[in-house]
């Protein structure tokens, strides 16, 4: 009985932290994410642009893994979608993919790593 009650309390608490204005994100989307950065007493927004290669859904702990190639080196970063540090998420283009995880992109370079664009 106690477990059931605490589970309801936790889910109600998590609902208050969920963002309601999120756009649907899919694997293969090219996104531009605005991340709030605090430097000293100043706060600014730094943008991170790349392709979503993985997504994990679990209510308030939903994460996306975004990959970009910078100066020939692949960089991956995991973002908590509902985090207050995420200022904005903008989908630049969508791609046609047939996998739920695009980890195979790690082994591809240059033009081979392109995904076919789909217009929605």
C-alpha atoms as a PDB file:
ATOM      1  CA  UNK A   1       0.000   0.000   0.000  1.00  0.00           C
ATOM      2  CA  UNK A   2       2.819   2.405   0.847  1.00  0.00           C
ATOM      3  CA  UNK A   3       4.672   1.714  -2.432  1.00  0.00           C
ATOM      4  CA  UNK A   4       1.591   2.529  -4.475  1.00  0.00           C
ATOM      5  CA  UNK A   5       1.089   5.789  -2.641  1.00  0.00           C
ATOM      6  CA  UNK A   6       4.699   6.928  -3.019  1.00  0.00           C
ATOM      7  CA  UNK A   7       4.607   6.006  -6.714  1.00  0.00           C
ATOM      8  CA  UNK A   8       1.654   8.363  -7.219  1.00  0.00           C
ATOM      9  CA  UNK A   9       3.445  11.118  -5.332  1.00  0.00           C
ATOM     10  CA  UNK A  10       6.578  10.710  -7.467  1.00  0.00           C
ATOM     11  CA  UNK A  11       4.642  10.730 -10.755  1.00  0.00           C
ATOM     12  CA  UNK A  12       2.729  13.843  -9.725  1.00  0.00           C
ATOM     13  CA  UNK A  13       5.994  15.552  -8.785  1.00  0.00           C
ATOM     14  CA  UNK A  14       7.596  14.567 -12.114  1.00  0.00           C
ATOM     15  CA  UNK A  15       4.614  15.944 -14.060  1.00  0.00           C
ATOM     16  CA  UNK A  16       5.357  19.404 -12.722  1.00  0.00           C
ATOM     17  CA  UNK A  17       8.844  19.301 -14.304  1.00  0.00           C
ATOM     18  CA  UNK A  18       7.727  18.106 -17.766  1.00  0.00           C
ATOM     19  CA  UNK A  19       7.968  20.659 -20.567  1.00  0.00           C
ATOM     20  CA  UNK A  20       4.707  21.028 -22.465  1.00  0.00           C
ATOM     21  CA  UNK A  21       5.927  23.018 -25.479  1.00  0.00           C
ATOM     22  CA  UNK A  22       8.213  20.325 -26.931  1.00  0.00           C
ATOM     23  CA  UNK A  23       8.090  19.441 -30.594  1.00  0.00           C
ATOM     24  CA  UNK A  24       8.211  15.738 -31.526  1.00  0.00           C
ATOM     25  CA  UNK A  25      11.819  14.596 -31.933  1.00  0.00           C
ATOM     26  CA  UNK A  26      12.737  11.576 -34.047  1.00  0.00           C
ATOM     27  CA  UNK A  27      15.871   9.639 -34.767  1.00  0.00           C
ATOM     28  CA  UNK A  28      17.736  11.108 -37.738  1.00  0.00           C
ATOM     29  CA  UNK A  29      16.535  14.673 -37.170  1.00  0.00           C
ATOM     30  CA  UNK A  30      19.115  17.390 -37.555  1.00  0.00           C
ATOM     31  CA  UNK A  31      18.538  19.642 -34.534  1.00  0.00           C
ATOM     32  CA  UNK A  32      19.828  22.901 -33.105  1.00  0.00           C
ATOM     33  CA  UNK A  33      19.740  22.872 -29.297  1.00  0.00           C
ATOM     34  CA  UNK A  34      20.162  26.033 -27.243  1.00  0.00           C
ATOM     35  CA  UNK A  35      21.959  25.249 -23.974  1.00  0.00           C
ATOM     36  CA  UNK A  36      22.118  27.789 -21.154  1.00  0.00           C
ATOM     37  CA  UNK A  37      25.711  28.385 -20.035  1.00  0.00           C
ATOM     38  CA  UNK A  38      26.588  30.278 -16.850  1.00  0.00           C
ATOM     39  CA  UNK A  39      29.956  32.038 -16.846  1.00  0.00           C
ATOM     40  CA  UNK A  40      30.627  33.907 -13.623  1.00  0.00           C
ATOM     41  CA  UNK A  41      27.527  35.996 -13.061  1.00  0.00           C
ATOM     42  CA  UNK A  42      26.474  36.092 -16.723  1.00  0.00           C
ATOM     43  CA  UNK A  43      24.184  33.646 -18.481  1.00  0.00           C
ATOM     44  CA  UNK A  44      24.171  33.039 -22.221  1.00  0.00           C
ATOM     45  CA  UNK A  45      22.778  30.510 -24.707  1.00  0.00           C
ATOM     46  CA  UNK A  46      25.182  28.352 -26.697  1.00  0.00           C
ATOM     47  CA  UNK A  47      23.836  26.377 -29.644  1.00  0.00           C
ATOM     48  CA  UNK A  48      24.765  22.753 -30.364  1.00  0.00           C
ATOM     49  CA  UNK A  49      23.860  21.458 -33.815  1.00  0.00           C
ATOM     50  CA  UNK A  50      23.904  17.822 -34.886  1.00  0.00           C
ATOM     51  CA  UNK A  51      21.985  14.654 -35.709  1.00  0.00           C
ATOM     52  CA  UNK A  52      19.928  12.699 -33.193  1.00  0.00           C
ATOM     53  CA  UNK A  53      21.386   9.180 -33.183  1.00  0.00           C
ATOM     54  CA  UNK A  54      19.613   7.782 -30.099  1.00  0.00           C
ATOM     55  CA  UNK A  55      16.602   8.522 -27.935  1.00  0.00           C
ATOM     56  CA  UNK A  56      15.522   7.125 -24.592  1.00  0.00           C
ATOM     57  CA  UNK A  57      11.976   7.785 -23.399  1.00  0.00           C
ATOM     58  CA  UNK A  58      11.179   7.662 -19.705  1.00  0.00           C
ATOM     59  CA  UNK A  59       8.976  10.635 -18.795  1.00  0.00           C
ATOM     60  CA  UNK A  60      11.075  13.300 -17.079  1.00  0.00           C
ATOM     61  CA  UNK A  61      14.335  11.446 -17.803  1.00  0.00           C
ATOM     62  CA  UNK A  62      13.909  11.478 -21.601  1.00  0.00           C
ATOM     63  CA  UNK A  63      17.305  11.860 -23.254  1.00  0.00           C
ATOM     64  CA  UNK A  64      18.553  12.339 -26.796  1.00  0.00           C
ATOM     65  CA  UNK A  65      22.084  11.692 -28.037  1.00  0.00           C
ATOM     66  CA  UNK A  66      23.217  14.253 -30.589  1.00  0.00           C
ATOM     67  CA  UNK A  67      26.259  13.702 -32.810  1.00  0.00           C
ATOM     68  CA  UNK A  68      28.196  16.292 -34.760  1.00  0.00           C
ATOM     69  CA  UNK A  69      31.526  16.242 -36.549  1.00  0.00           C
ATOM     70  CA  UNK A  70      33.838  19.101 -35.619  1.00  0.00           C
ATOM     71  CA  UNK A  71      37.209  19.441 -37.374  1.00  0.00           C
ATOM     72  CA  UNK A  72      37.060  15.805 -38.463  1.00  0.00           C
ATOM     73  CA  UNK A  73      36.357  14.456 -34.966  1.00  0.00           C
ATOM     74  CA  UNK A  74      32.950  13.055 -34.036  1.00  0.00           C
ATOM     75  CA  UNK A  75      31.473  14.536 -30.858  1.00  0.00           C
ATOM     76  CA  UNK A  76      28.440  13.052 -29.121  1.00  0.00           C
ATOM     77  CA  UNK A  77      26.526  14.682 -26.319  1.00  0.00           C
ATOM     78  CA  UNK A  78      23.555  13.424 -24.305  1.00  0.00           C
ATOM     79  CA  UNK A  79      20.845  15.968 -23.458  1.00  0.00           C
ATOM     80  CA  UNK A  80      18.046  15.689 -20.907  1.00  0.00           C
ATOM     81  CA  UNK A  81      15.116  17.002 -22.929  1.00  0.00           C
ATOM     82  CA  UNK A  82      13.134  18.299 -19.932  1.00  0.00           C
ATOM     83  CA  UNK A  83      16.162  19.915 -18.248  1.00  0.00           C
ATOM     84  CA  UNK A  84      15.890  23.606 -17.327  1.00  0.00           C
ATOM     85  CA  UNK A  85      19.349  24.089 -18.929  1.00  0.00           C
ATOM     86  CA  UNK A  86      17.829  23.391 -22.372  1.00  0.00           C
ATOM     87  CA  UNK A  87      16.565  26.725 -23.686  1.00  0.00           C
ATOM     88  CA  UNK A  88      15.257  25.668 -27.094  1.00  0.00           C
ATOM     89  CA  UNK A  89      15.183  22.754 -29.516  1.00  0.00           C
ATOM     90  CA  UNK A  90      14.714  23.426 -33.209  1.00  0.00           C
ATOM     91  CA  UNK A  91      14.434  20.736 -35.895  1.00  0.00           C
ATOM     92  CA  UNK A  92      16.354  21.865 -38.974  1.00  0.00           C
ATOM     93  CA  UNK A  93      15.666  18.833 -41.171  1.00  0.00           C
ATOM     94  CA  UNK A  94      14.350  15.297 -40.887  1.00  0.00           C
ATOM     95  CA  UNK A  95      15.819  12.176 -42.422  1.00  0.00           C
ATOM     96  CA  UNK A  96      14.449   8.819 -43.481  1.00  0.00           C
ATOM     97  CA  UNK A  97      15.907   6.142 -41.214  1.00  0.00           C
ATOM     98  CA  UNK A  98      15.053   2.491 -40.607  1.00  0.00           C
ATOM     99  CA  UNK A  99      16.834   2.034 -37.292  1.00  0.00           C
ATOM    100  CA  UNK A 100      16.049   3.130 -33.763  1.00  0.00           C
ATOM    101  CA  UNK A 101      19.729   3.783 -32.991  1.00  0.00           C
ATOM    102  CA  UNK A 102      22.114   5.238 -35.573  1.00  0.00           C
ATOM    103  CA  UNK A 103      25.345   4.093 -33.952  1.00  0.00           C
ATOM    104  CA  UNK A 104      26.628   2.924 -37.341  1.00  0.00           C
ATOM    105  CA  UNK A 105      27.262   6.583 -38.213  1.00  0.00           C
ATOM    106  CA  UNK A 106      30.261   6.467 -35.873  1.00  0.00           C
ATOM    107  CA  UNK A 107      32.151   4.343 -38.418  1.00  0.00           C
ATOM    108  CA  UNK A 108      31.291   6.465 -41.473  1.00  0.00           C
ATOM    109  CA  UNK A 109      33.112   9.557 -42.727  1.00  0.00           C
ATOM    110  CA  UNK A 110      32.278  12.397 -45.072  1.00  0.00           C
ATOM    111  CA  UNK A 111      29.595  11.870 -47.683  1.00  0.00           C
ATOM    112  CA  UNK A 112      29.010   8.282 -46.566  1.00  0.00           C
ATOM    113  CA  UNK A 113      27.496   9.539 -43.326  1.00  0.00           C
ATOM    114  CA  UNK A 114      24.740  11.526 -45.072  1.00  0.00           C
ATOM    115  CA  UNK A 115      21.108  10.580 -44.420  1.00  0.00           C
ATOM    116  CA  UNK A 116      18.356  10.883 -46.994  1.00  0.00           C
ATOM    117  CA  UNK A 117      16.204  13.920 -46.253  1.00  0.00           C
ATOM    118  CA  UNK A 118      12.460  13.548 -45.910  1.00  0.00           C
ATOM    119  CA  UNK A 119      10.113  16.538 -46.192  1.00  0.00           C
ATOM    120  CA  UNK A 120       7.383  16.695 -43.603  1.00  0.00           C
END
